[in-house]
C-alpha atoms as a PDB file:
ATOM      1  CA  HIS A   1      12.657 -22.043  -7.425  1.00  0.00           C
ATOM      2  CA  GLU A   2      14.755 -24.125  -5.443  1.00  0.00           C
ATOM      3  CA  VAL A   3      17.844 -22.507  -3.778  1.00  0.00           C
ATOM      4  CA  THR A   4      20.478 -24.593  -2.237  1.00  0.00           C
ATOM      5  CA  GLU A   5      22.050 -23.113   0.708  1.00  0.00           C
ATOM      6  CA  GLY A   6      25.351 -24.257   2.617  1.00  0.00           C
ATOM      7  CA  LEU A   7      25.312 -24.019   6.329  1.00  0.00           C
ATOM      8  CA  MET A   8      28.411 -21.979   7.392  1.00  0.00           C
ATOM      9  CA  GLY A   9      30.489 -23.828   4.953  1.00  0.00           C
ATOM     10  CA  ASP A  10      30.422 -27.148   6.971  1.00  0.00           C
ATOM     11  CA  GLY A  11      29.540 -29.133   3.798  1.00  0.00           C
ATOM     12  CA  ASN A  12      25.802 -29.742   4.989  1.00  0.00           C
ATOM     13  CA  GLU A  13      23.418 -28.340   2.262  1.00  0.00           C
ATOM     14  CA  GLN A  14      19.693 -28.099   2.472  1.00  0.00           C
ATOM     15  CA  SER A  15      17.268 -27.323  -0.456  1.00  0.00           C
ATOM     16  CA  VAL A  16      15.073 -24.608   0.434  1.00  0.00           C
ATOM     17  CA  LYS A  17      11.808 -23.368  -1.668  1.00  0.00           C
ATOM     18  CA  LYS A  18      12.277 -19.623  -1.876  1.00  0.00           C
ATOM     19  CA  LYS A  19       8.788 -18.189  -1.980  1.00  0.00           C
ATOM     20  CA  THR A  20       7.851 -16.246  -5.217  1.00  0.00           C
ATOM     21  CA  ILE A  21       5.658 -13.122  -5.093  1.00  0.00           C
ATOM     22  CA  LEU A  22       4.341 -11.452  -8.329  1.00  0.00           C
ATOM     23  CA  LEU A  23       4.243  -7.718  -7.544  1.00  0.00           C
ATOM     24  CA  VAL A  24       2.043  -5.735  -9.905  1.00  0.00           C
ATOM     25  CA  ASP A  25       1.911  -2.051  -9.831  1.00  0.00           C
ATOM     26  CA  ASP A  26       2.296   0.721 -12.565  1.00  0.00           C
ATOM     27  CA  GLU A  27       3.948   3.256 -10.005  1.00  0.00           C
ATOM     28  CA  PRO A  28       7.729   2.686 -10.341  1.00  0.00           C
ATOM     29  CA  ASP A  29       8.278   4.064  -6.859  1.00  0.00           C
ATOM     30  CA  ILE A  30       5.864   1.636  -5.209  1.00  0.00           C
ATOM     31  CA  VAL A  31       7.457  -1.339  -7.125  1.00  0.00           C
ATOM     32  CA  GLU A  32      11.009  -0.361  -6.237  1.00  0.00           C
ATOM     33  CA  THR A  33      10.184  -0.117  -2.530  1.00  0.00           C
ATOM     34  CA  VAL A  34       8.169  -2.977  -2.188  1.00  0.00           C
ATOM     35  CA  GLU A  35      10.436  -5.134  -4.297  1.00  0.00           C
ATOM     36  CA  TYR A  36      13.407  -4.134  -2.253  1.00  0.00           C
ATOM     37  CA  VAL A  37      11.527  -4.878   1.210  1.00  0.00           C
ATOM     38  CA  LEU A  38      10.398  -8.133  -0.124  1.00  0.00           C
ATOM     39  CA  GLN A  39      13.782  -9.422  -1.494  1.00  0.00           C
ATOM     40  CA  ARG A  40      15.417  -8.050   1.814  1.00  0.00           C
ATOM     41  CA  GLU A  41      12.974 -10.596   3.609  1.00  0.00           C
ATOM     42  CA  GLY A  42      14.093 -13.436   1.391  1.00  0.00           C
ATOM     43  CA  TYR A  43      11.396 -13.568  -1.278  1.00  0.00           C
ATOM     44  CA  GLU A  44      11.831 -13.932  -4.853  1.00  0.00           C
ATOM     45  CA  VAL A  45      10.032 -10.997  -6.638  1.00  0.00           C
ATOM     46  CA  LEU A  46       8.595 -10.927 -10.098  1.00  0.00           C
ATOM     47  CA  THR A  47       7.225  -7.616 -11.407  1.00  0.00           C
ATOM     48  CA  ALA A  48       4.704  -6.567 -13.960  1.00  0.00           C
ATOM     49  CA  THR A  49       3.171  -3.029 -14.731  1.00  0.00           C
ATOM     50  CA  ASP A  50       0.012  -3.866 -16.332  1.00  0.00           C
ATOM     51  CA  GLY A  51      -2.633  -6.502 -16.065  1.00  0.00           C
ATOM     52  CA  TYR A  52      -1.959  -8.424 -19.210  1.00  0.00           C
ATOM     53  CA  ALA A  53       1.639  -8.696 -18.381  1.00  0.00           C
ATOM     54  CA  ALA A  54       0.599  -9.861 -14.862  1.00  0.00           C
ATOM     55  CA  LEU A  55      -1.252 -12.698 -16.273  1.00  0.00           C
ATOM     56  CA  GLY A  56       1.555 -13.607 -18.474  1.00  0.00           C
ATOM     57  CA  VAL A  57       3.997 -13.545 -15.724  1.00  0.00           C
ATOM     58  CA  ALA A  58       1.731 -15.540 -13.432  1.00  0.00           C
ATOM     59  CA  ARG A  59       1.118 -18.313 -16.170  1.00  0.00           C
ATOM     60  CA  VAL A  60       4.814 -18.727 -16.840  1.00  0.00           C
ATOM     61  CA  HIS A  61       6.022 -18.606 -13.256  1.00  0.00           C
ATOM     62  CA  LYS A  62       3.276 -19.645 -11.083  1.00  0.00           C
ATOM     63  CA  PRO A  63       4.031 -17.401  -8.112  1.00  0.00           C
ATOM     64  CA  ASP A  64       3.392 -18.220  -4.566  1.00  0.00           C
ATOM     65  CA  LEU A  65       1.351 -15.065  -4.075  1.00  0.00           C
ATOM     66  CA  LEU A  66       0.043 -12.083  -5.903  1.00  0.00           C
ATOM     67  CA  LEU A  67       0.283  -8.450  -4.646  1.00  0.00           C
ATOM     68  CA  LEU A  68      -1.839  -6.746  -7.176  1.00  0.00           C
ATOM     69  CA  ASP A  69      -2.677  -3.064  -7.781  1.00  0.00           C
ATOM     70  CA  VAL A  70      -6.393  -2.383  -8.544  1.00  0.00           C
ATOM     71  CA  MET A  71      -5.888   0.528 -11.074  1.00  0.00           C
ATOM     72  CA  LEU A  72      -3.648  -0.794 -13.765  1.00  0.00           C
ATOM     73  CA  PRO A  73      -3.221  -0.020 -17.516  1.00  0.00           C
ATOM     74  CA  GLY A  74      -4.726  -2.735 -19.632  1.00  0.00           C
ATOM     75  CA  GLU A  75      -6.768  -4.998 -17.506  1.00  0.00           C
ATOM     76  CA  ASN A  76      -7.612  -3.910 -13.758  1.00  0.00           C
ATOM     77  CA  GLY A  77      -6.528  -5.651 -10.730  1.00  0.00           C
ATOM     78  CA  TYR A  78     -10.042  -7.225  -9.993  1.00  0.00           C
ATOM     79  CA  ARG A  79     -10.207  -8.762 -13.457  1.00  0.00           C
ATOM     80  CA  VAL A  80      -6.649  -9.940 -13.234  1.00  0.00           C
ATOM     81  CA  SER A  81      -7.549 -11.616  -9.936  1.00  0.00           C
ATOM     82  CA  ARG A  82     -10.649 -13.158 -11.315  1.00  0.00           C
ATOM     83  CA  ALA A  83      -8.801 -14.454 -14.338  1.00  0.00           C
ATOM     84  CA  VAL A  84      -6.254 -16.032 -11.958  1.00  0.00           C
ATOM     85  CA  ARG A  85      -8.916 -17.646  -9.930  1.00  0.00           C
ATOM     86  CA  ASP A  86     -10.796 -18.769 -13.227  1.00  0.00           C
ATOM     87  CA  ASP A  87      -7.592 -20.323 -14.735  1.00  0.00           C
ATOM     88  CA  GLU A  88      -7.348 -23.911 -13.809  1.00  0.00           C
ATOM     89  CA  GLU A  89      -3.629 -24.059 -13.788  1.00  0.00           C
ATOM     90  CA  LEU A  90      -3.385 -20.722 -11.718  1.00  0.00           C
ATOM     91  CA  GLY A  91      -6.340 -21.014  -9.421  1.00  0.00           C
ATOM     92  CA  VAL A  92      -5.563 -24.440  -8.357  1.00  0.00           C
ATOM     93  CA  TYR A  93      -1.999 -25.383  -8.927  1.00  0.00           C
ATOM     94  CA  PRO A  94      -1.548 -27.507  -6.650  1.00  0.00           C
ATOM     95  CA  ARG A  95      -3.186 -25.144  -4.108  1.00  0.00           C
ATOM     96  CA  ARG A  96      -4.962 -21.867  -4.471  1.00  0.00           C
ATOM     97  CA  VAL A  97      -2.619 -18.972  -4.727  1.00  0.00           C
ATOM     98  CA  PRO A  98      -3.109 -16.042  -2.373  1.00  0.00           C
ATOM     99  CA  ILE A  99      -3.986 -12.970  -3.891  1.00  0.00           C
ATOM    100  CA  VAL A 100      -3.839  -9.336  -2.144  1.00  0.00           C
ATOM    101  CA  LEU A 101      -5.377  -6.528  -3.940  1.00  0.00           C
ATOM    102  CA  VAL A 102      -3.799  -3.102  -3.127  1.00  0.00           C
ATOM    103  CA  THR A 103      -5.627   0.227  -3.895  1.00  0.00           C
ATOM    104  CA  ALA A 104      -5.831   3.735  -3.023  1.00  0.00           C
ATOM    105  CA  ARG A 105      -9.535   3.775  -3.332  1.00  0.00           C
ATOM    106  CA  ASP A 106     -10.785   3.092   0.354  1.00  0.00           C
ATOM    107  CA  LEU A 107     -13.599   0.893  -0.302  1.00  0.00           C
ATOM    108  CA  SER A 108     -13.986   0.018   3.404  1.00  0.00           C
ATOM    109  CA  LEU A 109     -16.079   3.150   3.702  1.00  0.00           C
ATOM    110  CA  ASP A 110     -18.621   1.592   1.342  1.00  0.00           C
ATOM    111  CA  PRO A 111     -18.846  -2.171   2.811  1.00  0.00           C
ATOM    112  CA  GLU A 112     -21.383  -3.103   0.049  1.00  0.00           C
ATOM    113  CA  ARG A 113     -19.310  -2.047  -2.740  1.00  0.00           C
ATOM    114  CA  GLU A 114     -16.200  -3.540  -1.162  1.00  0.00           C
ATOM    115  CA  LYS A 115     -18.037  -6.787  -0.735  1.00  0.00           C
ATOM    116  CA  MET A 116     -19.072  -6.761  -4.544  1.00  0.00           C
ATOM    117  CA  PHE A 117     -15.679  -6.048  -5.743  1.00  0.00           C
ATOM    118  CA  MET A 118     -14.126  -8.932  -3.573  1.00  0.00           C
ATOM    119  CA  GLU A 119     -16.771 -11.229  -4.521  1.00  0.00           C
ATOM    120  CA  PHE A 120     -16.135 -10.641  -8.188  1.00  0.00           C
ATOM    121  CA  SER A 121     -12.280 -10.662  -7.974  1.00  0.00           C
ATOM    122  CA  ARG A 122     -12.194 -13.648  -5.429  1.00  0.00           C
ATOM    123  CA  ALA A 123      -9.182 -12.181  -3.826  1.00  0.00           C
ATOM    124  CA  ASP A 124      -8.056 -12.853  -0.413  1.00  0.00           C
ATOM    125  CA  LEU A 125      -7.883  -9.495   0.927  1.00  0.00           C
ATOM    126  CA  VAL A 126      -7.439  -5.754   0.110  1.00  0.00           C
ATOM    127  CA  ILE A 127      -4.912  -3.415   1.524  1.00  0.00           C
ATOM    128  CA  TYR A 128      -5.156   0.344   1.112  1.00  0.00           C
ATOM    129  CA  LYS A 129      -2.555   2.771   0.093  1.00  0.00           C
ATOM    130  CA  PRO A 130      -0.607   4.220   1.847  1.00  0.00           C
ATOM    131  CA  PHE A 131       0.223   0.975   3.721  1.00  0.00           C
ATOM    132  CA  ASP A 132       2.655   0.155   6.344  1.00  0.00           C
ATOM    133  CA  LEU A 133       5.428  -2.011   4.929  1.00  0.00           C
ATOM    134  CA  ASP A 134       5.735  -4.016   8.245  1.00  0.00           C
ATOM    135  CA  GLU A 135       1.979  -4.739   8.188  1.00  0.00           C
ATOM    136  CA  MET A 136       2.148  -5.914   4.541  1.00  0.00           C
ATOM    137  CA  LEU A 137       4.918  -8.358   5.381  1.00  0.00           C
ATOM    138  CA  ASN A 138       2.918  -9.827   8.201  1.00  0.00           C
ATOM    139  CA  LEU A 139      -0.124 -10.309   5.936  1.00  0.00           C
ATOM    140  CA  ILE A 140       1.926 -11.863   3.268  1.00  0.00           C
ATOM    141  CA  GLN A 141       3.746 -14.326   5.821  1.00  0.00           C
ATOM    142  CA  ARG A 142       0.434 -15.199   7.298  1.00  0.00           C
ATOM    143  CA  LEU A 143      -1.249 -15.688   3.808  1.00  0.00           C
ATOM    144  CA  LEU A 144       1.730 -17.807   2.569  1.00  0.00           C
ATOM    145  CA  LYS A 145       1.483 -20.053   5.921  1.00  0.00           C
ATOM    146  CA  ASN A 146      -2.112 -20.429   5.404  1.00  0.00           C
ATOM    147  CA  ALA A 147      -1.691 -21.546   1.814  1.00  0.00           C
ATOM    148  CA  GLU A 148       1.103 -23.945   2.852  1.00  0.00           C
ATOM    149  CA  LYS A 149      -1.038 -25.555   5.603  1.00  0.00           C
ATOM    150  CA  GLN A 150      -4.041 -25.815   3.185  1.00  0.00           C
ATOM    151  CA  ALA A 151      -2.082 -27.077   0.283  1.00  0.00           C
ATOM    152  CA  GLU A 152      -2.842 -30.839   1.054  1.00  0.00           C
ATOM    153  CA  THR A 153      -6.239 -30.542   2.490  1.00  0.00           C
ATOM    154  CA  ARG A 154      -7.985 -27.716   0.422  1.00  0.00           C
ATOM    155  CA  ASN A 155     -10.452 -28.867  -2.176  1.00  0.00           C
ATOM    156  CA  ASP A 156     -10.975 -25.618  -4.428  1.00  0.00           C
ATOM    157  CA  ARG A 157     -14.489 -25.071  -5.329  1.00  0.00           C
ATOM    158  CA  THR A 158     -15.072 -24.961  -9.009  1.00  0.00           C
ATOM    159  CA  ASP A 159     -18.971 -24.470  -8.607  1.00  0.00           C
ATOM    160  CA  GLN A 160     -18.605 -20.880  -7.786  1.00  0.00           C
ATOM    161  CA  PRO A 161     -21.719 -18.808  -8.627  1.00  0.00           C
ATOM    162  CA  GLU A 162     -21.122 -16.374 -11.542  1.00  0.00           C
ATOM    163  CA  ILE A 163     -20.891 -12.893 -10.258  1.00  0.00           C
ATOM    164  CA  GLN A 164     -21.350  -9.730 -12.465  1.00  0.00           C
ATOM    165  CA  ASP A 165     -18.270  -7.670 -13.351  1.00  0.00           C
ATOM    166  CA  PRO A 166     -18.786  -4.321 -11.133  1.00  0.00           C
ATOM    167  CA  THR A 167     -16.117  -2.585 -13.280  1.00  0.00           C
ATOM    168  CA  VAL A 168     -18.455  -2.414 -16.289  1.00  0.00           C
END
């Protein structure tokens, strides 16, 4: 997703890669609000409303970051996250895509359960609804910067231990 921008019409142009975020949520109000805020910050936003669609969009467009609701029709967010991590083209192209899980269920009250779900999903972090949009933007910016820094040096581990699906 290359975007060419002219600098104040002076003939100088530069090519800037616009970061792409896949926003996955089945609540239209959340999608509309978060999509607007992300676009206002200069991100390209792709959307999906269920887990199966999210995997399809991710495979075709290879976003720079996934913002993924947990409770989705079809495949839940934990399983979508895991599928992205297990997919050779998605999980390591050419760097590991950051994944942020979003949930209304506050698992932080049960640290063992939260750890189990995070280990299964292999997501980078979880944020809880309702969330502050400015905090969400800061997290996204930080994750994207870290991914960029690690793109050249990261050796993704393919020897991850098999972890049972806690959603069964």
